[in-house]
């Protein structure tokens, strides 16, 4: 196992701990705790899904030597998926989820996908 994965696992556990702390202790009476929760959820999902995608990519390409390149690719798609989940949660948290806003968010989401799918 590469050494940088220990740091990622620690950051993932720390971010999930912060998410559970916000859910259990903090009172969502203003906008700041809601934004903190959604941002921490985004970070936690990104790190957790990147570890999952890294293990899948590592099994698909076991002879690939540069693990950091595989991790960067897995983190890119994990951040993309967690952005979608956090974005819908943000729309739902502020009660602005309707057909128009969801459609506009999906257009943004698809546009980001085409940017990620580029040459880099």
C-alpha atoms as a PDB file:
ATOM      1  CA  UNK A   1       0.000   0.000   0.000  1.00  0.00           C
ATOM      2  CA  UNK A   2       1.434   3.424  -0.946  1.00  0.00           C
ATOM      3  CA  UNK A   3       2.339   5.731   1.929  1.00  0.00           C
ATOM      4  CA  UNK A   4       0.099   8.590   0.798  1.00  0.00           C
ATOM      5  CA  UNK A   5      -2.988   6.420   1.275  1.00  0.00           C
ATOM      6  CA  UNK A   6      -2.505   6.501   5.052  1.00  0.00           C
ATOM      7  CA  UNK A   7      -2.883  10.274   4.948  1.00  0.00           C
ATOM      8  CA  UNK A   8      -5.981   9.985   2.776  1.00  0.00           C
ATOM      9  CA  UNK A   9      -7.534   7.417   5.107  1.00  0.00           C
ATOM     10  CA  UNK A  10      -6.815   9.675   8.101  1.00  0.00           C
ATOM     11  CA  UNK A  11      -8.345  12.700   6.348  1.00  0.00           C
ATOM     12  CA  UNK A  12     -11.370  10.635   5.370  1.00  0.00           C
ATOM     13  CA  UNK A  13     -11.954   9.485   8.946  1.00  0.00           C
ATOM     14  CA  UNK A  14     -11.417  13.010  10.251  1.00  0.00           C
ATOM     15  CA  UNK A  15     -13.882  14.513   7.792  1.00  0.00           C
ATOM     16  CA  UNK A  16     -16.510  11.861   8.586  1.00  0.00           C
ATOM     17  CA  UNK A  17     -15.995  12.635  12.257  1.00  0.00           C
ATOM     18  CA  UNK A  18     -16.626  16.326  11.591  1.00  0.00           C
ATOM     19  CA  UNK A  19     -19.758  15.470   9.597  1.00  0.00           C
ATOM     20  CA  UNK A  20     -21.128  13.342  12.446  1.00  0.00           C
ATOM     21  CA  UNK A  21     -20.213  16.047  14.958  1.00  0.00           C
ATOM     22  CA  UNK A  22     -22.132  18.656  12.945  1.00  0.00           C
ATOM     23  CA  UNK A  23     -25.133  16.342  12.655  1.00  0.00           C
ATOM     24  CA  UNK A  24     -25.137  15.419  16.336  1.00  0.00           C
ATOM     25  CA  UNK A  25     -24.142  18.602  18.144  1.00  0.00           C
ATOM     26  CA  UNK A  26     -24.461  21.746  16.018  1.00  0.00           C
ATOM     27  CA  UNK A  27     -27.854  23.446  15.791  1.00  0.00           C
ATOM     28  CA  UNK A  28     -28.670  24.381  12.165  1.00  0.00           C
ATOM     29  CA  UNK A  29     -30.262  27.696  13.063  1.00  0.00           C
ATOM     30  CA  UNK A  30     -28.309  29.786  10.547  1.00  0.00           C
ATOM     31  CA  UNK A  31     -26.706  29.382   7.146  1.00  0.00           C
ATOM     32  CA  UNK A  32     -23.164  28.785   8.400  1.00  0.00           C
ATOM     33  CA  UNK A  33     -23.774  25.332   9.973  1.00  0.00           C
ATOM     34  CA  UNK A  34     -25.668  24.236   6.861  1.00  0.00           C
ATOM     35  CA  UNK A  35     -22.808  25.307   4.594  1.00  0.00           C
ATOM     36  CA  UNK A  36     -20.280  23.677   6.936  1.00  0.00           C
ATOM     37  CA  UNK A  37     -22.214  20.411   6.873  1.00  0.00           C
ATOM     38  CA  UNK A  38     -22.519  20.319   3.093  1.00  0.00           C
ATOM     39  CA  UNK A  39     -18.867  21.278   2.578  1.00  0.00           C
ATOM     40  CA  UNK A  40     -17.667  18.640   5.051  1.00  0.00           C
ATOM     41  CA  UNK A  41     -19.969  16.102   3.404  1.00  0.00           C
ATOM     42  CA  UNK A  42     -18.378  16.968   0.058  1.00  0.00           C
ATOM     43  CA  UNK A  43     -14.860  16.485   1.458  1.00  0.00           C
ATOM     44  CA  UNK A  44     -15.760  13.239   3.246  1.00  0.00           C
ATOM     45  CA  UNK A  45     -17.449  11.739   0.198  1.00  0.00           C
ATOM     46  CA  UNK A  46     -14.571  12.800  -2.046  1.00  0.00           C
ATOM     47  CA  UNK A  47     -11.909  11.120   0.081  1.00  0.00           C
ATOM     48  CA  UNK A  48     -13.958   7.984   0.723  1.00  0.00           C
ATOM     49  CA  UNK A  49     -15.003   7.473  -2.888  1.00  0.00           C
ATOM     50  CA  UNK A  50     -11.486   8.198  -4.119  1.00  0.00           C
ATOM     51  CA  UNK A  51     -10.181   5.315  -2.008  1.00  0.00           C
ATOM     52  CA  UNK A  52     -12.857   3.052  -3.452  1.00  0.00           C
ATOM     53  CA  UNK A  53     -12.128   4.116  -7.039  1.00  0.00           C
ATOM     54  CA  UNK A  54      -8.369   3.815  -6.442  1.00  0.00           C
ATOM     55  CA  UNK A  55      -8.749   0.209  -5.332  1.00  0.00           C
ATOM     56  CA  UNK A  56     -10.890  -0.537  -8.396  1.00  0.00           C
ATOM     57  CA  UNK A  57      -8.369   1.101 -10.744  1.00  0.00           C
ATOM     58  CA  UNK A  58      -5.498  -0.699  -9.016  1.00  0.00           C
ATOM     59  CA  UNK A  59      -7.193  -4.057  -9.598  1.00  0.00           C
ATOM     60  CA  UNK A  60      -7.900  -3.189 -13.241  1.00  0.00           C
ATOM     61  CA  UNK A  61      -4.293  -2.111 -13.884  1.00  0.00           C
ATOM     62  CA  UNK A  62      -2.048  -4.018 -11.469  1.00  0.00           C
ATOM     63  CA  UNK A  63       1.115  -3.467 -13.529  1.00  0.00           C
ATOM     64  CA  UNK A  64       0.742   0.340 -13.596  1.00  0.00           C
ATOM     65  CA  UNK A  65       3.696   1.721 -11.642  1.00  0.00           C
ATOM     66  CA  UNK A  66       2.638   5.240 -10.703  1.00  0.00           C
ATOM     67  CA  UNK A  67       0.062   4.994  -7.951  1.00  0.00           C
ATOM     68  CA  UNK A  68      -0.223   8.754  -7.568  1.00  0.00           C
ATOM     69  CA  UNK A  69      -1.447   9.084 -11.166  1.00  0.00           C
ATOM     70  CA  UNK A  70      -4.118   6.463 -10.518  1.00  0.00           C
ATOM     71  CA  UNK A  71      -5.118   8.224  -7.314  1.00  0.00           C
ATOM     72  CA  UNK A  72      -5.409  11.604  -9.048  1.00  0.00           C
ATOM     73  CA  UNK A  73      -7.709  10.078 -11.629  1.00  0.00           C
ATOM     74  CA  UNK A  74      -9.809   8.380  -8.972  1.00  0.00           C
ATOM     75  CA  UNK A  75     -10.004  11.569  -6.886  1.00  0.00           C
ATOM     76  CA  UNK A  76     -11.143  13.532  -9.916  1.00  0.00           C
ATOM     77  CA  UNK A  77     -14.162  11.311 -10.475  1.00  0.00           C
ATOM     78  CA  UNK A  78     -14.870  10.962  -6.755  1.00  0.00           C
ATOM     79  CA  UNK A  79     -14.961  14.748  -6.391  1.00  0.00           C
ATOM     80  CA  UNK A  80     -17.283  14.908  -9.392  1.00  0.00           C
ATOM     81  CA  UNK A  81     -19.744  12.439  -7.855  1.00  0.00           C
ATOM     82  CA  UNK A  82     -19.597  14.080  -4.438  1.00  0.00           C
ATOM     83  CA  UNK A  83     -20.183  17.489  -6.066  1.00  0.00           C
ATOM     84  CA  UNK A  84     -23.423  16.148  -7.524  1.00  0.00           C
ATOM     85  CA  UNK A  85     -24.589  14.745  -4.193  1.00  0.00           C
ATOM     86  CA  UNK A  86     -23.604  17.889  -2.295  1.00  0.00           C
ATOM     87  CA  UNK A  87     -25.158  20.146  -4.910  1.00  0.00           C
ATOM     88  CA  UNK A  88     -28.521  18.423  -4.702  1.00  0.00           C
ATOM     89  CA  UNK A  89     -28.263  18.487  -0.895  1.00  0.00           C
ATOM     90  CA  UNK A  90     -27.581  22.233  -1.050  1.00  0.00           C
ATOM     91  CA  UNK A  91     -30.631  22.790  -3.235  1.00  0.00           C
ATOM     92  CA  UNK A  92     -32.716  20.710  -0.862  1.00  0.00           C
ATOM     93  CA  UNK A  93     -31.356  22.411   2.266  1.00  0.00           C
ATOM     94  CA  UNK A  94     -32.405  25.849   1.090  1.00  0.00           C
ATOM     95  CA  UNK A  95     -35.723  24.588  -0.298  1.00  0.00           C
ATOM     96  CA  UNK A  96     -34.984  25.756  -3.820  1.00  0.00           C
ATOM     97  CA  UNK A  97     -35.194  22.355  -5.446  1.00  0.00           C
ATOM     98  CA  UNK A  98     -37.689  22.642  -8.267  1.00  0.00           C
ATOM     99  CA  UNK A  99     -37.686  21.461 -11.843  1.00  0.00           C
ATOM    100  CA  UNK A 100     -35.988  24.573 -13.249  1.00  0.00           C
ATOM    101  CA  UNK A 101     -33.184  24.697 -10.676  1.00  0.00           C
ATOM    102  CA  UNK A 102     -32.622  20.953 -10.873  1.00  0.00           C
ATOM    103  CA  UNK A 103     -32.444  21.177 -14.675  1.00  0.00           C
ATOM    104  CA  UNK A 104     -29.935  24.019 -14.515  1.00  0.00           C
ATOM    105  CA  UNK A 105     -27.860  22.115 -11.993  1.00  0.00           C
ATOM    106  CA  UNK A 106     -27.900  19.049 -14.255  1.00  0.00           C
ATOM    107  CA  UNK A 107     -26.697  21.204 -17.177  1.00  0.00           C
ATOM    108  CA  UNK A 108     -23.842  22.450 -15.002  1.00  0.00           C
ATOM    109  CA  UNK A 109     -23.113  18.892 -13.905  1.00  0.00           C
ATOM    110  CA  UNK A 110     -23.018  17.597 -17.486  1.00  0.00           C
ATOM    111  CA  UNK A 111     -20.793  20.524 -18.519  1.00  0.00           C
ATOM    112  CA  UNK A 112     -18.334  19.676 -15.765  1.00  0.00           C
ATOM    113  CA  UNK A 113     -18.355  16.052 -16.928  1.00  0.00           C
ATOM    114  CA  UNK A 114     -17.357  17.058 -20.454  1.00  0.00           C
ATOM    115  CA  UNK A 115     -14.545  19.182 -19.024  1.00  0.00           C
ATOM    116  CA  UNK A 116     -13.298  16.256 -16.925  1.00  0.00           C
ATOM    117  CA  UNK A 117     -13.470  13.888 -19.841  1.00  0.00           C
ATOM    118  CA  UNK A 118     -11.034  16.029 -21.839  1.00  0.00           C
ATOM    119  CA  UNK A 119      -7.452  15.127 -22.729  1.00  0.00           C
ATOM    120  CA  UNK A 120      -6.013  15.765 -19.257  1.00  0.00           C
END
